């Protein structure tokens, strides 16, 4: 993934945590839309791996039933 793409995604995550979703989308959307198929796949993996960056919440794994 290009460094500029990663910076945009990190900034969008930061803005989302600050409840500034519109600004986050203005930064992330152009980067996502212009990505080629390879970078697009990297972006998808990064987003899945960094969900908590956007929510600011840290969840533990699934709880096991006794």
PDB file of N, CA and C in Angstrom:
ATOM      1  N   UNK A   1       0.854  -1.170   0.000  1.00  0.00           N
ATOM      2  CA  UNK A   1       0.000   0.000   0.000  1.00  0.00           C
ATOM      3  C   UNK A   1       0.903   1.237   0.000  1.00  0.00           C
ATOM      4  N   UNK A   2       0.524   2.216  -0.776  1.00  0.00           N
ATOM      5  CA  UNK A   2       1.317   3.447  -0.830  1.00  0.00           C
ATOM      6  C   UNK A   2       1.277   4.169   0.522  1.00  0.00           C
ATOM      7  N   UNK A   3       2.366   4.812   0.899  1.00  0.00           N
ATOM      8  CA  UNK A   3       2.387   5.553   2.165  1.00  0.00           C
ATOM      9  C   UNK A   3       1.282   6.617   2.244  1.00  0.00           C
ATOM     10  N   UNK A   4       0.967   7.262   1.131  1.00  0.00           N
ATOM     11  CA  UNK A   4      -0.086   8.287   1.149  1.00  0.00           C
ATOM     12  C   UNK A   4      -1.456   7.666   1.434  1.00  0.00           C
ATOM     13  N   UNK A   5      -1.673   6.453   0.952  1.00  0.00           N
ATOM     14  CA  UNK A   5      -2.935   5.752   1.225  1.00  0.00           C
ATOM     15  C   UNK A   5      -3.029   5.420   2.705  1.00  0.00           C
ATOM     16  N   UNK A   6      -1.950   4.897   3.254  1.00  0.00           N
ATOM     17  CA  UNK A   6      -1.942   4.550   4.675  1.00  0.00           C
ATOM     18  C   UNK A   6      -2.148   5.785   5.543  1.00  0.00           C
ATOM     19  N   UNK A   7      -1.517   6.888   5.188  1.00  0.00           N
ATOM     20  CA  UNK A   7      -1.719   8.139   5.951  1.00  0.00           C
ATOM     21  C   UNK A   7      -3.178   8.570   5.901  1.00  0.00           C
ATOM     22  N   UNK A   8      -3.791   8.470   4.736  1.00  0.00           N
ATOM     23  CA  UNK A   8      -5.203   8.871   4.596  1.00  0.00           C
ATOM     24  C   UNK A   8      -6.101   7.976   5.444  1.00  0.00           C
ATOM     25  N   UNK A   9      -5.858   6.676   5.431  1.00  0.00           N
ATOM     26  CA  UNK A   9      -6.676   5.760   6.229  1.00  0.00           C
ATOM     27  C   UNK A   9      -6.492   6.011   7.720  1.00  0.00           C
ATOM     28  N   UNK A  10      -5.266   6.239   8.143  1.00  0.00           N
ATOM     29  CA  UNK A  10      -5.025   6.540   9.562  1.00  0.00           C
ATOM     30  C   UNK A  10      -5.701   7.839   9.971  1.00  0.00           C
ATOM     31  N   UNK A  11      -5.640   8.837   9.107  1.00  0.00           N
ATOM     32  CA  UNK A  11      -6.293  10.123   9.419  1.00  0.00           C
ATOM     33  C   UNK A  11      -7.804   9.945   9.468  1.00  0.00           C
ATOM     34  N   UNK A  12      -8.348   9.168   8.552  1.00  0.00           N
ATOM     35  CA  UNK A  12      -9.791   8.910   8.561  1.00  0.00           C
ATOM     36  C   UNK A  12     -10.201   8.192   9.846  1.00  0.00           C
ATOM     37  N   UNK A  13      -9.384   7.262  10.301  1.00  0.00           N
ATOM     38  CA  UNK A  13      -9.676   6.566  11.552  1.00  0.00           C
ATOM     39  C   UNK A  13      -9.677   7.548  12.723  1.00  0.00           C
ATOM     40  N   UNK A  14      -8.691   8.429  12.734  1.00  0.00           N
ATOM     41  CA  UNK A  14      -8.603   9.427  13.811  1.00  0.00           C
ATOM     42  C   UNK A  14      -9.838  10.332  13.821  1.00  0.00           C
ATOM     43  N   UNK A  15     -10.236  10.799  12.654  1.00  0.00           N
ATOM     44  CA  UNK A  15     -11.422  11.665  12.569  1.00  0.00           C
ATOM     45  C   UNK A  15     -12.692  10.928  12.962  1.00  0.00           C
ATOM     46  N   UNK A  16     -12.789   9.656  12.599  1.00  0.00           N
ATOM     47  CA  UNK A  16     -13.961   8.866  12.963  1.00  0.00           C
ATOM     48  C   UNK A  16     -14.073   8.737  14.475  1.00  0.00           C
ATOM     49  N   UNK A  17     -12.952   8.493  15.149  1.00  0.00           N
ATOM     50  CA  UNK A  17     -12.963   8.402  16.615  1.00  0.00           C
ATOM     51  C   UNK A  17     -13.399   9.720  17.251  1.00  0.00           C
ATOM     52  N   UNK A  18     -13.197  10.815  16.545  1.00  0.00           N
ATOM     53  CA  UNK A  18     -13.594  12.134  17.047  1.00  0.00           C
ATOM     54  C   UNK A  18     -15.015  12.498  16.608  1.00  0.00           C
ATOM     55  N   UNK A  19     -15.748  11.513  16.093  1.00  0.00           N
ATOM     56  CA  UNK A  19     -17.121  11.713  15.603  1.00  0.00           C
ATOM     57  C   UNK A  19     -17.190  12.725  14.463  1.00  0.00           C
ATOM     58  N   UNK A  20     -16.171  12.715  13.614  1.00  0.00           N
ATOM     59  CA  UNK A  20     -16.125  13.610  12.454  1.00  0.00           C
ATOM     60  C   UNK A  20     -16.154  12.758  11.189  1.00  0.00           C
ATOM     61  N   UNK A  21     -17.247  11.981  11.062  1.00  0.00           N
ATOM     62  CA  UNK A  21     -17.366  10.991   9.998  1.00  0.00           C
ATOM     63  C   UNK A  21     -17.366  11.615   8.608  1.00  0.00           C
ATOM     64  N   UNK A  22     -18.022  12.754   8.448  1.00  0.00           N
ATOM     65  CA  UNK A  22     -18.064  13.388   7.132  1.00  0.00           C
ATOM     66  C   UNK A  22     -16.659  13.744   6.657  1.00  0.00           C
ATOM     67  N   UNK A  23     -15.874  14.324   7.540  1.00  0.00           N
ATOM     68  CA  UNK A  23     -14.491  14.668   7.179  1.00  0.00           C
ATOM     69  C   UNK A  23     -13.669  13.413   6.902  1.00  0.00           C
ATOM     70  N   UNK A  24     -13.901  12.372   7.696  1.00  0.00           N
ATOM     71  CA  UNK A  24     -13.184  11.116   7.490  1.00  0.00           C
ATOM     72  C   UNK A  24     -13.485  10.551   6.109  1.00  0.00           C
ATOM     73  N   UNK A  25     -14.732  10.598   5.707  1.00  0.00           N
ATOM     74  CA  UNK A  25     -15.117  10.075   4.399  1.00  0.00           C
ATOM     75  C   UNK A  25     -14.528  10.925   3.272  1.00  0.00           C
ATOM     76  N   UNK A  26     -14.460  12.229   3.478  1.00  0.00           N
ATOM     77  CA  UNK A  26     -13.875  13.095   2.450  1.00  0.00           C
ATOM     78  C   UNK A  26     -12.396  12.775   2.213  1.00  0.00           C
ATOM     79  N   UNK A  27     -11.725  12.290   3.238  1.00  0.00           N
ATOM     80  CA  UNK A  27     -10.317  11.930   3.112  1.00  0.00           C
ATOM     81  C   UNK A  27     -10.158  10.510   2.560  1.00  0.00           C
ATOM     82  N   UNK A  28     -10.932   9.569   3.061  1.00  0.00           N
ATOM     83  CA  UNK A  28     -10.743   8.160   2.709  1.00  0.00           C
ATOM     84  C   UNK A  28     -11.349   7.790   1.358  1.00  0.00           C
ATOM     85  N   UNK A  29     -12.485   8.358   1.028  1.00  0.00           N
ATOM     86  CA  UNK A  29     -13.188   7.929  -0.189  1.00  0.00           C
ATOM     87  C   UNK A  29     -12.368   8.078  -1.472  1.00  0.00           C
ATOM     88  N   UNK A  30     -11.738   9.220  -1.728  1.00  0.00           N
ATOM     89  CA  UNK A  30     -10.960   9.330  -2.969  1.00  0.00           C
ATOM     90  C   UNK A  30      -9.812   8.319  -3.045  1.00  0.00           C
ATOM     91  N   UNK A  31      -9.191   8.041  -1.918  1.00  0.00           N
ATOM     92  CA  UNK A  31      -8.096   7.077  -1.883  1.00  0.00           C
ATOM     93  C   UNK A  31      -8.607   5.676  -2.215  1.00  0.00           C
ATOM     94  N   UNK A  32      -9.739   5.334  -1.642  1.00  0.00           N
ATOM     95  CA  UNK A  32     -10.318   4.012  -1.882  1.00  0.00           C
ATOM     96  C   UNK A  32     -10.786   3.879  -3.326  1.00  0.00           C
ATOM     97  N   UNK A  33     -11.415   4.919  -3.849  1.00  0.00           N
ATOM     98  CA  UNK A  33     -11.953   4.852  -5.213  1.00  0.00           C
ATOM     99  C   UNK A  33     -10.880   4.818  -6.291  1.00  0.00           C
ATOM    100  N   UNK A  34      -9.712   5.384  -6.013  1.00  0.00           N
ATOM    101  CA  UNK A  34      -8.659   5.416  -7.031  1.00  0.00           C
ATOM    102  C   UNK A  34      -7.672   4.252  -6.921  1.00  0.00           C
ATOM    103  N   UNK A  35      -7.838   3.410  -5.923  1.00  0.00           N
ATOM    104  CA  UNK A  35      -6.929   2.272  -5.744  1.00  0.00           C
ATOM    105  C   UNK A  35      -7.135   1.254  -6.859  1.00  0.00           C
ATOM    106  N   UNK A  36      -6.030   0.674  -7.301  1.00  0.00           N
ATOM    107  CA  UNK A  36      -6.156  -0.415  -8.271  1.00  0.00           C
ATOM    108  C   UNK A  36      -6.572  -1.683  -7.519  1.00  0.00           C
ATOM    109  N   UNK A  37      -6.745  -2.779  -8.238  1.00  0.00           N
ATOM    110  CA  UNK A  37      -7.269  -3.989  -7.597  1.00  0.00           C
ATOM    111  C   UNK A  37      -6.337  -4.518  -6.509  1.00  0.00           C
ATOM    112  N   UNK A  38      -5.034  -4.375  -6.677  1.00  0.00           N
ATOM    113  CA  UNK A  38      -4.085  -4.873  -5.679  1.00  0.00           C
ATOM    114  C   UNK A  38      -4.083  -4.008  -4.422  1.00  0.00           C
ATOM    115  N   UNK A  39      -4.031  -2.698  -4.635  1.00  0.00           N
ATOM    116  CA  UNK A  39      -4.064  -1.817  -3.468  1.00  0.00           C
ATOM    117  C   UNK A  39      -5.442  -1.885  -2.806  1.00  0.00           C
ATOM    118  N   UNK A  40      -6.476  -2.050  -3.600  1.00  0.00           N
ATOM    119  CA  UNK A  40      -7.820  -2.186  -3.040  1.00  0.00           C
ATOM    120  C   UNK A  40      -7.913  -3.372  -2.094  1.00  0.00           C
ATOM    121  N   UNK A  41      -7.271  -4.477  -2.469  1.00  0.00           N
ATOM    122  CA  UNK A  41      -7.253  -5.654  -1.595  1.00  0.00           C
ATOM    123  C   UNK A  41      -6.458  -5.364  -0.330  1.00  0.00           C
ATOM    124  N   UNK A  42      -5.357  -4.647  -0.445  1.00  0.00           N
ATOM    125  CA  UNK A  42      -4.586  -4.256   0.745  1.00  0.00           C
ATOM    126  C   UNK A  42      -5.411  -3.352   1.658  1.00  0.00           C
ATOM    127  N   UNK A  43      -6.156  -2.448   1.060  1.00  0.00           N
ATOM    128  CA  UNK A  43      -7.015  -1.550   1.845  1.00  0.00           C
ATOM    129  C   UNK A  43      -8.070  -2.356   2.588  1.00  0.00           C
ATOM    130  N   UNK A  44      -8.715  -3.298   1.897  1.00  0.00           N
ATOM    131  CA  UNK A  44      -9.730  -4.141   2.550  1.00  0.00           C
ATOM    132  C   UNK A  44      -9.135  -4.898   3.734  1.00  0.00           C
ATOM    133  N   UNK A  45      -7.955  -5.495   3.538  1.00  0.00           N
ATOM    134  CA  UNK A  45      -7.306  -6.224   4.637  1.00  0.00           C
ATOM    135  C   UNK A  45      -6.963  -5.278   5.788  1.00  0.00           C
ATOM    136  N   UNK A  46      -6.447  -4.099   5.456  1.00  0.00           N
ATOM    137  CA  UNK A  46      -6.083  -3.127   6.491  1.00  0.00           C
ATOM    138  C   UNK A  46      -7.322  -2.712   7.282  1.00  0.00           C
ATOM    139  N   UNK A  47      -8.420  -2.443   6.580  1.00  0.00           N
ATOM    140  CA  UNK A  47      -9.648  -2.043   7.270  1.00  0.00           C
ATOM    141  C   UNK A  47     -10.145  -3.145   8.207  1.00  0.00           C
ATOM    142  N   UNK A  48     -10.119  -4.379   7.751  1.00  0.00           N
ATOM    143  CA  UNK A  48     -10.541  -5.491   8.597  1.00  0.00           C
ATOM    144  C   UNK A  48      -9.623  -5.657   9.801  1.00  0.00           C
ATOM    145  N   UNK A  49      -8.336  -5.460   9.596  1.00  0.00           N
ATOM    146  CA  UNK A  49      -7.366  -5.610  10.684  1.00  0.00           C
ATOM    147  C   UNK A  49      -7.381  -4.436  11.657  1.00  0.00           C
ATOM    148  N   UNK A  50      -7.948  -3.299  11.251  1.00  0.00           N
ATOM    149  CA  UNK A  50      -7.882  -2.086  12.067  1.00  0.00           C
ATOM    150  C   UNK A  50      -9.250  -1.512  12.413  1.00  0.00           C
ATOM    151  N   UNK A  51     -10.235  -2.370  12.549  1.00  0.00           N
ATOM    152  CA  UNK A  51     -11.581  -1.911  12.905  1.00  0.00           C
ATOM    153  C   UNK A  51     -11.548  -1.084  14.180  1.00  0.00           C
ATOM    154  N   UNK A  52     -10.768  -1.518  15.159  1.00  0.00           N
ATOM    155  CA  UNK A  52     -10.731  -0.792  16.433  1.00  0.00           C
ATOM    156  C   UNK A  52     -10.092   0.588  16.288  1.00  0.00           C
ATOM    157  N   UNK A  53      -9.303   0.809  15.236  1.00  0.00           N
ATOM    158  CA  UNK A  53      -8.750   2.144  14.998  1.00  0.00           C
ATOM    159  C   UNK A  53      -9.877   3.140  14.724  1.00  0.00           C
ATOM    160  N   UNK A  54     -10.938   2.662  14.109  1.00  0.00           N
ATOM    161  CA  UNK A  54     -12.056   3.532  13.772  1.00  0.00           C
ATOM    162  C   UNK A  54     -13.032   3.680  14.937  1.00  0.00           C
ATOM    163  N   UNK A  55     -13.229   2.631  15.696  1.00  0.00           N
ATOM    164  CA  UNK A  55     -14.209   2.681  16.779  1.00  0.00           C
ATOM    165  C   UNK A  55     -13.623   3.169  18.085  1.00  0.00           C
ATOM    166  N   UNK A  56     -12.308   3.014  18.244  1.00  0.00           N
ATOM    167  CA  UNK A  56     -11.683   3.380  19.503  1.00  0.00           C
ATOM    168  C   UNK A  56     -11.954   2.371  20.601  1.00  0.00           C
ATOM    169  N   UNK A  57     -12.633   1.268  20.254  1.00  0.00           N
ATOM    170  CA  UNK A  57     -12.951   0.224  21.223  1.00  0.00           C
ATOM    171  C   UNK A  57     -12.004  -0.943  21.011  1.00  0.00           C
ATOM    172  N   UNK A  58     -11.693  -1.612  22.079  1.00  0.00           N
ATOM    173  CA  UNK A  58     -10.833  -2.786  21.999  1.00  0.00           C
ATOM    174  C   UNK A  58     -11.597  -3.964  22.573  1.00  0.00           C
ATOM    175  N   UNK A  59     -11.969  -4.873  21.695  1.00  0.00           N
ATOM    176  CA  UNK A  59     -12.737  -6.041  22.108  1.00  0.00           C
ATOM    177  C   UNK A  59     -11.822  -7.236  22.266  1.00  0.00           C
ATOM    178  N   UNK A  60     -12.131  -8.024  23.256  1.00  0.00           N
ATOM    179  CA  UNK A  60     -11.420  -9.275  23.422  1.00  0.00           C
ATOM    180  C   UNK A  60     -12.044 -10.276  22.458  1.00  0.00           C
ATOM    181  N   UNK A  61     -11.408 -11.380  22.302  1.00  0.00           N
ATOM    182  CA  UNK A  61     -11.936 -12.436  21.441  1.00  0.00           C
ATOM    183  C   UNK A  61     -13.284 -12.912  21.967  1.00  0.00           C
ATOM    184  N   UNK A  62     -13.926 -13.819  21.229  1.00  0.00           N
ATOM    185  CA  UNK A  62     -15.237 -14.328  21.662  1.00  0.00           C
ATOM    186  C   UNK A  62     -15.137 -15.002  23.022  1.00  0.00           C
ATOM    187  N   UNK A  63     -16.118 -14.763  23.827  1.00  0.00           N
ATOM    188  CA  UNK A  63     -16.158 -15.361  25.157  1.00  0.00           C
ATOM    189  C   UNK A  63     -16.553 -16.839  25.009  1.00  0.00           C
ATOM    190  N   UNK A  64     -15.900 -17.674  25.795  1.00  0.00           N
ATOM    191  CA  UNK A  64     -16.226 -19.083  25.753  1.00  0.00           C
ATOM    192  C   UNK A  64     -17.287 -19.369  26.815  1.00  0.00           C
ATOM    193  N   UNK A  65     -18.232 -20.177  26.433  1.00  0.00           N
ATOM    194  CA  UNK A  65     -19.278 -20.578  27.382  1.00  0.00           C
ATOM    195  C   UNK A  65     -18.711 -21.597  28.353  1.00  0.00           C
ATOM    196  N   UNK A  66     -19.162 -21.550  29.625  1.00  0.00           N
ATOM    197  CA  UNK A  66     -18.635 -22.505  30.625  1.00  0.00           C
ATOM    198  C   UNK A  66     -19.030 -23.924  30.304  1.00  0.00           C
TER     199      UNK A  66
END
